[in-house]
Amino acid sequence: LGAHEFLERKQHVQRLSRAFGEWIPGMVPQVLAFTTFIGGTILLFSGATPPVGLRIGWLRELLPLPILELSHFLASLVGLGLLLLARGLQRRLDAAYHLSLALLGAGIVFSLLKGLDYEEATILAVMLAALLPCRRYFYRRASLISERFTPGWISAISLILLGSAWLAVFSSKHLEYSGELWWRFTFSGDAPRSLRATVGAISAAVLFGVIRLLRPAPPEPTLPRREDLERARSIIAQSPRTAANLALLGDKELLFSRSGRAFVMYAVEGQSWVALGDPVGPENEMDELVWQFRERCDLHGGWTTFYQVGRDFLPLYLDLGLTLLKLGEEGRVPLVPFSLEGRERRGFRHTLHQLEREGCEFDLIPASEVPLLLPEMKTISDAWLAHKQTREKRFSLGFFNEDYLKQFPAAVVRRKGKLIAFANVWLGAGREELSIDLMRYAPEAHSGVMDFLLIQMMLWGQKEGYRWFNLGMAPLSGLEGHALAPLWNRVGTWIYRYGEHFYHFQGLREYKEKFGPEWEPRYLASPGSLLLPRILTDIAALIAGGWKGIVAK
């Protein structure tokens, strides 16, 4: 019984440890930023008020006057520096970490030299001891000058500076003001020292603001150049996930990591800066790259948004302060066990045999031969759009673009030698995954031609040793419609059930379900709250190719 009780408690402790282990990395920078801000406030308020008279008498016997005067002035500047660095700590900047250590150490020394303020020195020493072992939480390499200060931060720093100015004036209200007051240097000259220190800190803050205002304007987003697409292509070639190939459409901006080994693809609509999917590249590049994208959004006053991200990197988006929203689920068919045998697959066998009897043949055309087929493919694509009474979609979906299609193999279906259907094929690195993007067929083609092409692609992928076939998203599927679920989930479930007139949500899920996929959730990471409707509308405009496309089919 005792052993059982011990094991239960041990498991409970382990669960708590895991929970705290996930929670602490996000909280430590916030807590240390707050304490550093408090440390700066203490130094500024201390510099604006007179020291204990008895301690100044002791310092008179130990220190020359210039040391005391300089320490008092520099302590206030250190206080301002800590206020500014707190923002960098909140954003996990490694430079802010190192400078904060240096300024806290300097603050301890100056607190003792300016008035034997051992209470302040003790508080700063505790803050220094707390910050010292937390190096691993501050990993971002970015410029402190370029870091954006939100209105909340600007207001907080301004209030502290105004408060210290008020304290300096209040503390010296018994003195008659004169110009000579500024140049009075004596051990008993507490008021002049306080005024000089406070004005010095405010002047340094103004100088910092002017330097930021005089910085060159950040570059405006531009579509990628040919050399950018070539850099992206080399990164995509090493990516196991096929959706990375959407970057090669050329309709999205590309933000490369500082090493050039990873990138984010994104587009801008209104104030929404929408990255498509997770960053592409090595996993160890992800942390810095998502912050790099966040900084670019902040420089332009944009709303940082990641669309259709997987669950592997959700902690990164939470670290950015974003809210997660489930968009639906992505279906991937495991190809190793895929088979046409069995009763549940008799519909597939019937489709294959029927189209083969009609003279249909499947072929996979290498990318080098695709240009020869482009005129036929263009004819089929235009006829398909006209038959569906729709227009090309963009951003998260491929569209007919000859330069884009030339880069991939093409799966084609011919009937008695005539091309009737095609799809460009994405091949993932390491034979992890394959998928198709732009799929079009002639209006007169058999209704099962899509099934025929997909089945043949899965069988080809299985033969070539690929692990998964990606069927893409089923929007709004898999949302929880429980009465206690979040509002978005309940609204999304209602749209999924009753919105078939506008989009075949259930029909799409049911169509993909027959291939036996495994479903993985996909999320939207965005600022959330009241901005969410606007962000969702902006994303819809990006996919539809503009606001007109939202109302048009």
Protein backbone atom coordinates (compact mmCIF):
# COMPACT_ATOMS: atom_id res chain seq x y z
CA LEU A 1 0.00 0.00 0.00
CA GLY A 2 2.84 2.37 0.89
CA ALA A 3 4.64 1.56 -2.36
CA HIS A 4 1.44 2.21 -4.33
CA GLU A 5 0.97 5.56 -2.57
CA PHE A 6 4.60 6.47 -3.27
CA LEU A 7 4.23 5.64 -6.99
CA GLU A 8 1.04 7.69 -7.28
CA ARG A 9 2.69 10.69 -5.64
CA LYS A 10 5.77 10.25 -7.80
CA GLN A 11 3.65 10.28 -10.96
CA HIS A 12 1.80 13.35 -9.71
CA VAL A 13 5.10 15.15 -9.09
CA GLN A 14 6.35 14.14 -12.53
CA ARG A 15 3.19 15.54 -14.15
CA LEU A 16 3.63 18.80 -12.27
CA SER A 17 7.29 18.92 -13.28
CA ARG A 18 6.38 18.46 -16.94
CA ALA A 19 3.72 21.16 -16.70
CA PHE A 20 6.11 23.60 -15.08
CA GLY A 21 8.79 22.61 -17.58
CA GLU A 22 6.51 23.73 -20.42
CA TRP A 23 5.32 26.87 -18.59
CA ILE A 24 8.63 28.21 -17.23
CA PRO A 25 10.42 28.97 -20.57
CA GLY A 26 7.62 31.32 -21.55
CA MET A 27 7.41 33.05 -18.16
CA VAL A 28 11.07 33.54 -17.19
CA PRO A 29 11.82 36.31 -19.74
CA GLN A 30 8.62 38.13 -18.75
CA VAL A 31 9.41 37.97 -15.03
CA LEU A 32 13.03 39.05 -15.50
CA ALA A 33 11.96 41.91 -17.77
CA PHE A 34 9.60 43.11 -15.03
CA THR A 35 12.22 42.89 -12.28
CA THR A 36 14.78 44.68 -14.45
CA PHE A 37 12.27 47.44 -15.11
CA ILE A 38 11.72 47.73 -11.34
CA GLY A 39 15.49 47.89 -10.82
CA GLY A 40 15.75 50.80 -13.26
CA THR A 41 12.86 52.56 -11.53
CA ILE A 42 14.57 52.21 -8.14
CA LEU A 43 17.78 53.79 -9.44
CA LEU A 44 15.96 56.69 -11.10
CA PHE A 45 13.80 57.46 -8.07
CA SER A 46 16.81 57.14 -5.78
CA GLY A 47 18.77 59.56 -7.97
CA ALA A 48 15.94 62.08 -7.77
CA THR A 49 15.75 62.08 -3.95
CA PRO A 50 18.34 63.12 -1.34
CA PRO A 51 20.40 60.39 0.36
CA VAL A 52 20.59 59.71 4.09
CA GLY A 53 22.61 62.61 5.56
CA LEU A 54 24.63 60.48 7.97
CA ARG A 55 25.90 58.26 5.17
CA ILE A 56 27.06 61.25 3.14
CA GLY A 57 29.13 62.26 6.16
CA TRP A 58 30.83 58.87 6.13
CA LEU A 59 31.49 59.11 2.38
CA ARG A 60 33.02 62.57 2.85
CA GLU A 61 35.83 60.86 4.79
CA LEU A 62 36.30 58.06 2.25
CA LEU A 63 35.73 59.42 -1.28
CA PRO A 64 36.70 62.50 -3.27
CA LEU A 65 33.74 64.67 -4.31
CA PRO A 66 34.11 63.98 -8.08
CA ILE A 67 33.62 60.22 -7.48
CA LEU A 68 30.39 60.82 -5.56
CA GLU A 69 29.06 63.29 -8.13
CA LEU A 70 29.87 61.02 -11.07
CA SER A 71 28.42 57.93 -9.35
CA HIS A 72 25.14 59.76 -8.65
CA PHE A 73 24.84 60.90 -12.28
CA LEU A 74 25.80 57.51 -13.77
CA ALA A 75 23.40 55.64 -11.45
CA SER A 76 20.47 57.48 -13.04
CA LEU A 77 21.76 56.71 -16.53
CA VAL A 78 22.06 53.04 -15.54
CA GLY A 79 18.46 53.22 -14.31
CA LEU A 80 17.31 54.48 -17.71
CA GLY A 81 19.36 51.79 -19.42
CA LEU A 82 17.63 49.08 -17.37
CA LEU A 83 14.21 50.47 -18.33
CA LEU A 84 15.12 50.21 -22.00
CA LEU A 85 16.80 46.82 -21.68
CA ALA A 86 13.72 45.35 -19.99
CA ARG A 87 12.00 45.47 -23.38
CA GLY A 88 14.89 43.54 -24.91
CA LEU A 89 14.71 40.92 -22.16
CA GLN A 90 11.01 40.50 -22.82
CA ARG A 91 11.88 39.85 -26.48
CA ARG A 92 14.63 37.34 -25.45
CA LEU A 93 17.56 39.29 -26.95
CA ASP A 94 20.97 37.93 -26.04
CA ALA A 95 22.51 41.43 -26.16
CA ALA A 96 19.90 42.67 -23.67
CA TYR A 97 20.84 39.81 -21.34
CA HIS A 98 24.56 40.63 -21.34
CA LEU A 99 24.04 44.39 -21.03
CA SER A 100 21.54 43.91 -18.20
CA LEU A 101 24.11 41.89 -16.27
CA ALA A 102 26.67 44.65 -16.78
CA LEU A 103 24.29 47.47 -15.82
CA LEU A 104 22.98 45.66 -12.72
CA GLY A 105 26.58 45.17 -11.60
CA ALA A 106 27.33 48.85 -12.29
CA GLY A 107 24.15 49.86 -10.48
CA ILE A 108 25.29 47.99 -7.35
CA VAL A 109 28.64 49.85 -7.35
CA PHE A 110 27.11 53.27 -8.04
CA SER A 111 24.44 52.78 -5.36
CA LEU A 112 27.16 52.30 -2.77
CA LEU A 113 29.40 55.11 -4.04
CA LYS A 114 26.66 57.76 -4.33
CA GLY A 115 25.26 57.41 -0.82
CA LEU A 116 26.00 53.99 0.70
CA ASP A 117 22.53 52.87 -0.41
CA TYR A 118 23.07 49.24 0.61
CA GLU A 119 19.32 48.54 0.43
CA GLU A 120 19.28 49.33 -3.29
CA ALA A 121 22.53 47.47 -3.81
CA THR A 122 21.05 44.38 -2.16
CA ILE A 123 17.91 44.46 -4.34
CA LEU A 124 19.99 44.85 -7.49
CA ALA A 125 22.31 42.03 -6.36
CA VAL A 126 19.31 39.71 -5.96
CA MET A 127 18.12 40.67 -9.46
CA LEU A 128 21.61 40.01 -10.83
CA ALA A 129 21.74 36.60 -9.14
CA ALA A 130 18.32 35.71 -10.59
CA LEU A 131 19.29 36.78 -14.12
CA LEU A 132 22.74 35.15 -14.18
CA PRO A 133 21.69 31.46 -14.58
CA CYS A 134 19.02 32.21 -17.21
CA ARG A 135 21.27 32.61 -20.24
CA ARG A 136 19.50 29.85 -22.23
CA TYR A 137 16.24 31.81 -22.32
CA PHE A 138 17.85 34.71 -24.24
CA TYR A 139 18.88 33.31 -27.59
CA ARG A 140 17.83 35.91 -30.13
CA ARG A 141 20.51 37.86 -31.97
CA ALA A 142 18.95 41.17 -32.98
CA SER A 143 19.68 44.89 -32.77
CA LEU A 144 18.53 46.65 -29.60
CA ILE A 145 18.15 49.92 -31.48
CA SER A 146 15.79 48.34 -34.02
CA GLU A 147 13.60 46.73 -31.35
CA ARG A 148 10.10 48.20 -31.47
CA PHE A 149 8.66 49.76 -28.31
CA THR A 150 4.90 49.40 -28.08
CA PRO A 151 2.73 52.31 -26.89
CA GLY A 152 2.43 50.54 -23.55
CA TRP A 153 6.19 50.41 -23.07
CA ILE A 154 6.66 54.02 -24.18
CA SER A 155 3.96 55.13 -21.73
CA ALA A 156 5.49 53.15 -18.84
CA ILE A 157 9.00 54.54 -19.41
CA SER A 158 7.64 58.08 -19.81
CA LEU A 159 5.68 57.80 -16.55
CA ILE A 160 8.79 56.68 -14.65
CA LEU A 161 10.84 59.57 -16.08
CA LEU A 162 8.10 62.09 -15.29
CA GLY A 163 7.81 60.61 -11.80
CA SER A 164 11.53 60.98 -11.15
CA ALA A 165 11.41 64.57 -12.45
CA TRP A 166 8.53 65.34 -10.07
CA LEU A 167 10.44 63.79 -7.16
CA ALA A 168 13.53 65.87 -7.96
CA VAL A 169 11.51 69.10 -8.06
CA PHE A 170 9.51 68.18 -4.93
CA SER A 171 12.66 67.29 -2.97
CA SER A 172 14.25 70.67 -3.72
CA LYS A 173 11.14 72.87 -3.39
CA HIS A 174 12.60 74.50 -0.27
CA LEU A 175 15.42 75.98 -2.37
CA GLU A 176 15.11 79.12 -4.44
CA TYR A 177 15.82 78.21 -8.04
CA SER A 178 18.71 79.92 -9.84
CA GLY A 179 21.06 79.14 -12.70
CA GLU A 180 23.92 78.70 -10.27
CA LEU A 181 22.14 75.73 -8.70
CA TRP A 182 23.14 73.51 -11.64
CA TRP A 183 26.85 74.21 -11.11
CA ARG A 184 26.99 73.78 -7.35
CA PHE A 185 29.22 70.80 -6.49
CA THR A 186 29.46 70.08 -2.74
CA PHE A 187 28.94 67.10 -0.45
CA SER A 188 25.86 68.84 0.92
CA GLY A 189 24.52 69.75 -2.54
CA ASP A 190 21.85 67.05 -2.73
CA ALA A 191 19.35 69.10 -4.76
CA PRO A 192 21.78 70.05 -7.56
CA ARG A 193 22.94 66.42 -7.85
CA SER A 194 19.34 65.17 -8.09
CA LEU A 195 18.39 67.75 -10.72
CA ARG A 196 21.48 67.03 -12.82
CA ALA A 197 20.94 63.24 -12.64
CA THR A 198 17.24 63.48 -13.53
CA VAL A 199 17.79 65.89 -16.43
CA GLY A 200 20.66 63.69 -17.64
CA ALA A 201 18.44 60.61 -17.69
CA ILE A 202 15.62 62.43 -19.50
CA SER A 203 18.09 63.87 -22.03
CA ALA A 204 19.52 60.39 -22.68
CA ALA A 205 16.00 59.05 -23.23
CA VAL A 206 15.24 61.84 -25.71
CA LEU A 207 18.55 61.13 -27.52
CA PHE A 208 17.65 57.43 -27.74
CA GLY A 209 14.27 58.35 -29.22
CA VAL A 210 15.84 60.71 -31.78
CA ILE A 211 18.32 58.02 -32.86
CA ARG A 212 15.45 55.62 -33.44
CA LEU A 213 13.51 58.24 -35.42
CA LEU A 214 16.53 58.92 -37.64
CA ARG A 215 16.98 55.26 -38.54
CA PRO A 216 16.49 54.37 -42.22
CA ALA A 217 12.94 53.26 -42.96
CA PRO A 218 12.57 49.47 -43.11
CA PRO A 219 12.39 48.08 -46.65
CA GLU A 220 8.92 47.54 -48.05
CA PRO A 221 7.93 43.95 -48.85
CA THR A 222 8.65 42.98 -52.44
CA LEU A 223 8.00 39.84 -54.45
CA PRO A 224 11.02 37.54 -54.69
CA ARG A 225 13.58 37.92 -57.44
CA ARG A 226 14.75 34.96 -59.52
CA GLU A 227 17.83 34.50 -57.33
CA ASP A 228 15.60 34.49 -54.21
CA LEU A 229 13.48 31.72 -55.71
CA GLU A 230 16.64 29.75 -56.50
CA ARG A 231 17.77 30.07 -52.86
CA ALA A 232 14.34 28.93 -51.74
CA ARG A 233 14.40 26.00 -54.17
CA SER A 234 17.64 24.65 -52.66
CA ILE A 235 16.07 24.81 -49.16
CA ILE A 236 12.82 23.19 -50.35
CA ALA A 237 14.78 20.34 -51.91
CA GLN A 238 15.79 19.31 -48.37
CA SER A 239 12.31 19.71 -46.86
CA PRO A 240 10.27 16.54 -46.23
CA ARG A 241 6.97 18.48 -46.30
CA THR A 242 5.72 19.20 -49.81
CA ALA A 243 3.70 22.37 -49.08
CA ALA A 244 6.99 24.28 -49.02
CA ASN A 245 6.83 24.24 -52.85
CA LEU A 246 4.14 26.96 -52.71
CA ALA A 247 6.99 29.43 -52.25
CA LEU A 248 7.97 28.82 -55.89
CA LEU A 249 4.72 30.38 -57.13
CA GLY A 250 6.45 33.75 -56.74
CA ASP A 251 3.32 35.43 -55.35
CA LYS A 252 4.60 35.59 -51.77
CA GLU A 253 7.45 37.50 -50.17
CA LEU A 254 10.34 35.47 -48.77
CA LEU A 255 12.14 36.25 -45.53
CA PHE A 256 15.37 34.27 -45.17
CA SER A 257 17.09 33.52 -41.89
CA ARG A 258 20.38 35.26 -41.22
CA SER A 259 22.27 32.10 -42.18
CA GLY A 260 20.24 31.78 -45.40
CA ARG A 261 19.34 28.16 -44.57
CA ALA A 262 15.64 28.71 -43.83
CA PHE A 263 12.82 31.02 -44.90
CA VAL A 264 9.29 32.17 -44.19
CA MET A 265 6.89 32.81 -47.08
CA TYR A 266 4.29 35.46 -46.43
CA ALA A 267 1.92 37.96 -48.02
CA VAL A 268 0.45 41.24 -46.81
CA GLU A 269 -3.20 42.24 -46.97
CA GLY A 270 -4.14 45.42 -45.14
CA GLN A 271 -2.40 45.25 -41.76
CA SER A 272 -2.31 41.45 -41.76
CA TRP A 273 1.13 39.97 -42.41
CA VAL A 274 0.31 36.34 -43.05
CA ALA A 275 3.02 33.66 -43.10
CA LEU A 276 1.95 30.49 -44.88
CA GLY A 277 2.73 27.41 -42.82
CA ASP A 278 5.67 26.81 -40.55
CA PRO A 279 9.10 28.15 -41.52
CA VAL A 280 10.92 25.99 -44.06
CA GLY A 281 14.39 24.77 -43.20
CA PRO A 282 16.38 23.16 -40.37
CA GLU A 283 14.60 23.02 -37.03
CA ASN A 284 17.39 24.88 -35.21
CA GLU A 285 16.70 27.93 -37.39
CA MET A 286 13.02 28.19 -36.45
CA ASP A 287 13.22 30.16 -33.19
CA GLU A 288 15.20 33.05 -34.59
CA LEU A 289 13.29 33.12 -37.88
CA VAL A 290 9.82 33.48 -36.36
CA TRP A 291 11.11 36.35 -34.20
CA GLN A 292 12.73 37.88 -37.26
CA PHE A 293 9.35 37.80 -38.99
CA ARG A 294 7.67 39.26 -35.90
CA GLU A 295 10.16 42.14 -35.90
CA ARG A 296 9.51 42.87 -39.57
CA CYS A 297 5.77 42.97 -38.89
CA ASP A 298 6.31 45.31 -35.93
CA LEU A 299 8.48 47.68 -37.99
CA HIS A 300 5.58 48.12 -40.40
CA GLY A 301 2.84 48.13 -37.76
CA GLY A 302 1.50 44.82 -39.10
CA TRP A 303 -0.37 42.00 -37.35
CA THR A 304 1.86 38.92 -37.13
CA THR A 305 -0.08 35.89 -38.37
CA PHE A 306 0.89 32.29 -39.18
CA TYR A 307 -1.65 30.41 -41.29
CA GLN A 308 -2.02 26.60 -41.46
CA VAL A 309 0.74 25.74 -39.01
CA GLY A 310 1.21 22.27 -37.53
CA ARG A 311 1.44 21.28 -33.90
CA ASP A 312 5.21 20.70 -33.83
CA PHE A 313 6.10 24.39 -33.38
CA LEU A 314 3.09 25.72 -31.47
CA PRO A 315 5.26 26.72 -28.44
CA LEU A 316 7.16 29.13 -30.71
CA TYR A 317 3.99 30.96 -31.67
CA LEU A 318 2.86 31.10 -28.05
CA ASP A 319 6.22 32.67 -27.17
CA LEU A 320 5.42 35.41 -29.68
CA GLY A 321 2.27 36.17 -27.70
CA LEU A 322 -0.04 34.86 -30.42
CA THR A 323 -3.37 33.10 -29.94
CA LEU A 324 -4.01 29.68 -31.49
CA LEU A 325 -7.13 28.79 -33.42
CA LYS A 326 -7.85 25.45 -35.04
CA LEU A 327 -8.60 25.83 -38.76
CA GLY A 328 -9.30 22.23 -39.66
CA GLU A 329 -7.35 19.06 -40.35
CA GLU A 330 -4.90 17.89 -43.00
CA GLY A 331 -5.20 14.37 -44.34
CA ARG A 332 -2.17 12.20 -45.13
CA VAL A 333 -2.51 8.69 -46.51
CA PRO A 334 0.10 6.19 -45.23
CA LEU A 335 1.39 4.55 -48.41
CA VAL A 336 3.11 1.47 -46.96
CA PRO A 337 -0.19 -0.27 -46.05
CA PHE A 338 -2.17 1.31 -48.93
CA SER A 339 -3.94 -1.33 -50.98
CA LEU A 340 -6.83 -1.79 -53.42
CA GLU A 341 -7.72 -5.12 -51.87
CA GLY A 342 -10.72 -5.63 -49.65
CA ARG A 343 -14.41 -4.88 -49.78
CA GLU A 344 -14.07 -1.22 -48.75
CA ARG A 345 -11.84 -0.54 -51.78
CA ARG A 346 -14.02 -2.14 -54.42
CA GLY A 347 -15.15 1.32 -55.57
CA PHE A 348 -11.52 2.19 -56.36
CA ARG A 349 -11.08 -1.05 -58.33
CA HIS A 350 -14.29 -0.36 -60.25
CA THR A 351 -13.13 3.17 -61.14
CA LEU A 352 -9.74 1.94 -62.35
CA HIS A 353 -11.19 -0.82 -64.48
CA GLN A 354 -13.92 1.37 -65.97
CA LEU A 355 -11.53 4.15 -67.04
CA GLU A 356 -9.02 1.65 -68.37
CA ARG A 357 -11.78 0.08 -70.48
CA GLU A 358 -12.52 3.57 -71.86
CA GLY A 359 -8.88 3.84 -72.98
CA CYS A 360 -7.55 6.00 -70.14
CA GLU A 361 -3.86 5.77 -69.27
CA PHE A 362 -1.84 7.30 -66.44
CA ASP A 363 1.67 8.65 -66.91
CA LEU A 364 4.14 10.67 -64.84
CA ILE A 365 5.90 13.24 -67.03
CA PRO A 366 9.35 14.43 -65.87
CA ALA A 367 9.74 18.18 -65.32
CA SER A 368 12.02 18.49 -68.36
CA GLU A 369 9.19 17.40 -70.70
CA VAL A 370 6.38 19.44 -69.09
CA PRO A 371 6.96 22.56 -71.31
CA LEU A 372 5.86 20.51 -74.34
CA LEU A 373 2.48 19.83 -72.69
CA LEU A 374 1.78 23.37 -71.46
CA PRO A 375 -0.46 24.42 -74.40
CA GLU A 376 -2.75 21.39 -73.84
CA MET A 377 -2.67 21.92 -70.09
CA LYS A 378 -3.62 25.57 -70.54
CA THR A 379 -6.62 24.60 -72.69
CA ILE A 380 -7.84 22.13 -70.07
CA SER A 381 -7.29 24.62 -67.23
CA ASP A 382 -9.28 27.38 -68.95
CA ALA A 383 -12.11 24.97 -69.75
CA TRP A 384 -12.15 23.72 -66.15
CA LEU A 385 -12.38 27.28 -64.75
CA ALA A 386 -15.17 28.16 -67.17
CA HIS A 387 -17.09 24.96 -66.42
CA LYS A 388 -16.81 25.53 -62.65
CA GLN A 389 -17.63 29.24 -63.08
CA THR A 390 -14.78 30.11 -60.78
CA ARG A 391 -11.49 32.01 -60.83
CA GLU A 392 -7.94 31.14 -59.86
CA LYS A 393 -7.19 31.02 -56.14
CA ARG A 394 -3.83 32.09 -54.76
CA PHE A 395 -1.59 32.24 -51.70
CA SER A 396 -2.26 28.81 -50.12
CA LEU A 397 -3.28 27.20 -53.43
CA GLY A 398 -1.45 26.88 -56.70
CA PHE A 399 -2.69 28.55 -59.87
CA PHE A 400 -1.89 28.06 -63.54
CA ASN A 401 1.48 29.66 -64.10
CA GLU A 402 3.76 28.23 -66.76
CA ASP A 403 7.00 29.17 -64.98
CA TYR A 404 5.69 27.45 -61.86
CA LEU A 405 4.47 24.28 -63.59
CA LYS A 406 7.76 23.82 -65.46
CA GLN A 407 9.51 23.15 -62.16
CA PHE A 408 7.66 19.92 -61.31
CA PRO A 409 6.80 16.55 -62.78
CA ALA A 410 3.22 16.27 -64.00
CA ALA A 411 0.79 13.42 -63.47
CA VAL A 412 -1.39 13.14 -66.56
CA VAL A 413 -4.33 11.07 -67.73
CA ARG A 414 -4.81 10.45 -71.47
CA ARG A 415 -7.84 8.93 -73.14
CA LYS A 416 -6.98 7.31 -76.43
CA GLY A 417 -3.87 9.49 -76.58
CA LYS A 418 -5.59 12.80 -75.79
CA LEU A 419 -4.78 14.67 -72.57
CA ILE A 420 -7.90 14.96 -70.37
CA ALA A 421 -6.46 15.61 -66.86
CA PHE A 422 -3.23 16.73 -65.22
CA ALA A 423 -1.74 17.69 -61.87
CA ASN A 424 1.67 18.99 -60.90
CA VAL A 425 3.46 16.70 -58.45
CA TRP A 426 5.36 17.72 -55.32
CA LEU A 427 8.04 15.32 -54.09
CA GLY A 428 9.28 15.64 -50.50
CA ALA A 429 12.90 15.10 -49.47
CA GLY A 430 13.87 11.66 -48.21
CA ARG A 431 10.78 10.16 -49.88
CA GLU A 432 8.83 11.26 -46.81
CA GLU A 433 5.81 12.67 -48.65
CA LEU A 434 4.37 13.38 -52.07
CA SER A 435 1.35 15.39 -53.07
CA ILE A 436 -0.33 17.18 -55.94
CA ASP A 437 -1.22 20.85 -56.13
CA LEU A 438 -2.95 22.16 -59.25
CA MET A 439 -5.36 19.50 -60.52
CA ARG A 440 -7.48 20.18 -63.60
CA TYR A 441 -9.53 17.99 -65.95
CA ALA A 442 -11.52 18.50 -69.12
CA PRO A 443 -15.30 18.99 -68.66
CA GLU A 444 -16.03 15.99 -70.91
CA ALA A 445 -13.79 13.68 -68.85
CA HIS A 446 -15.26 10.78 -66.87
CA SER A 447 -16.50 11.84 -63.41
CA GLY A 448 -14.06 9.42 -61.77
CA VAL A 449 -10.96 10.83 -63.45
CA MET A 450 -9.82 12.58 -60.23
CA ASP A 451 -10.06 9.30 -58.31
CA PHE A 452 -8.21 7.54 -61.13
CA LEU A 453 -5.35 10.04 -61.04
CA LEU A 454 -5.07 10.07 -57.23
CA ILE A 455 -5.12 6.26 -56.93
CA GLN A 456 -2.45 5.92 -59.61
CA MET A 457 -0.30 8.52 -57.86
CA MET A 458 -0.59 6.68 -54.54
CA LEU A 459 0.34 3.37 -56.16
CA TRP A 460 3.29 5.04 -57.88
CA GLY A 461 4.42 6.62 -54.62
CA GLN A 462 4.13 3.30 -52.81
CA LYS A 463 6.25 1.61 -55.49
CA GLU A 464 8.89 4.36 -55.25
CA GLY A 465 9.13 4.06 -51.47
CA TYR A 466 7.30 7.22 -50.34
CA ARG A 467 5.75 7.09 -46.85
CA TRP A 468 2.81 9.50 -47.16
CA PHE A 469 0.50 11.02 -49.74
CA ASN A 470 -0.77 14.45 -48.64
CA LEU A 471 -4.39 15.13 -49.54
CA GLY A 472 -4.34 18.67 -48.15
CA MET A 473 -6.71 20.45 -45.80
CA ALA A 474 -10.31 19.77 -44.87
CA PRO A 475 -11.26 23.25 -43.58
CA LEU A 476 -13.24 23.49 -40.31
CA SER A 477 -13.27 19.71 -39.85
CA GLY A 478 -12.38 18.24 -36.48
CA LEU A 479 -13.57 21.28 -34.49
CA GLU A 480 -15.25 20.64 -31.16
CA GLY A 481 -18.86 21.85 -31.11
CA HIS A 482 -19.45 21.30 -27.40
CA ALA A 483 -21.39 24.01 -25.59
CA LEU A 484 -18.33 24.72 -23.41
CA ALA A 485 -15.90 24.83 -26.36
CA PRO A 486 -14.41 28.20 -27.44
CA LEU A 487 -16.70 30.45 -29.48
CA TRP A 488 -14.63 30.01 -32.67
CA ASN A 489 -14.92 26.21 -32.45
CA ARG A 490 -18.70 26.39 -32.04
CA VAL A 491 -19.07 28.89 -34.92
CA GLY A 492 -16.74 26.82 -37.11
CA THR A 493 -18.69 23.64 -36.36
CA TRP A 494 -21.96 25.37 -37.29
CA ILE A 495 -20.48 26.63 -40.59
CA TYR A 496 -19.08 23.14 -41.29
CA ARG A 497 -22.51 21.60 -40.85
CA TYR A 498 -24.71 24.20 -42.51
CA GLY A 499 -22.42 26.11 -44.89
CA GLU A 500 -22.45 23.66 -47.79
CA HIS A 501 -24.07 26.31 -50.02
CA PHE A 502 -20.92 28.44 -49.82
CA TYR A 503 -18.24 25.74 -49.66
CA HIS A 504 -18.38 21.94 -49.65
CA PHE A 505 -16.86 21.54 -46.19
CA GLN A 506 -18.39 18.16 -45.33
CA GLY A 507 -18.25 16.93 -48.92
CA LEU A 508 -14.51 17.62 -49.13
CA ARG A 509 -13.84 15.81 -45.85
CA GLU A 510 -15.95 12.82 -46.94
CA TYR A 511 -14.24 12.68 -50.35
CA LYS A 512 -10.78 12.55 -48.78
CA GLU A 513 -11.89 10.19 -46.02
CA LYS A 514 -12.43 7.32 -48.48
CA PHE A 515 -8.65 7.14 -49.08
CA GLY A 516 -8.09 6.26 -45.42
CA PRO A 517 -5.95 9.24 -44.35
CA GLU A 518 -4.60 10.05 -40.91
CA TRP A 519 -5.76 13.52 -39.89
CA GLU A 520 -3.48 16.15 -38.34
CA PRO A 521 -4.73 19.49 -36.96
CA ARG A 522 -3.78 22.79 -38.58
CA TYR A 523 -3.90 26.10 -36.74
CA LEU A 524 -3.98 29.85 -37.15
CA ALA A 525 -1.57 31.74 -34.87
CA SER A 526 -2.57 35.41 -34.70
CA PRO A 527 -3.08 38.33 -32.28
CA GLY A 528 -6.67 37.14 -31.76
CA SER A 529 -9.36 39.02 -29.80
CA LEU A 530 -11.08 41.82 -31.72
CA LEU A 531 -8.56 41.65 -34.59
CA LEU A 532 -9.51 38.09 -35.52
CA PRO A 533 -12.47 38.87 -37.87
CA ARG A 534 -10.34 41.37 -39.79
CA ILE A 535 -7.41 38.95 -40.03
CA LEU A 536 -9.64 36.12 -41.27
CA THR A 537 -11.15 38.45 -43.87
CA ASP A 538 -7.68 39.51 -45.03
CA ILE A 539 -6.65 35.87 -45.38
CA ALA A 540 -9.78 35.18 -47.42
CA ALA A 541 -8.85 38.10 -49.68
CA LEU A 542 -5.32 36.73 -50.15
CA ILE A 543 -6.65 33.31 -51.16
CA ALA A 544 -9.37 34.75 -53.41
CA GLY A 545 -6.90 37.05 -55.17
CA GLY A 546 -8.47 40.24 -53.82
CA TRP A 547 -11.62 41.54 -52.18
CA LYS A 548 -13.62 41.03 -55.35
CA GLY A 549 -12.76 37.34 -55.29
CA ILE A 550 -14.39 36.92 -51.86
CA VAL A 551 -17.84 37.69 -53.20
CA ALA A 552 -17.23 36.22 -56.65
CA LYS A 553 -16.86 32.47 -56.88
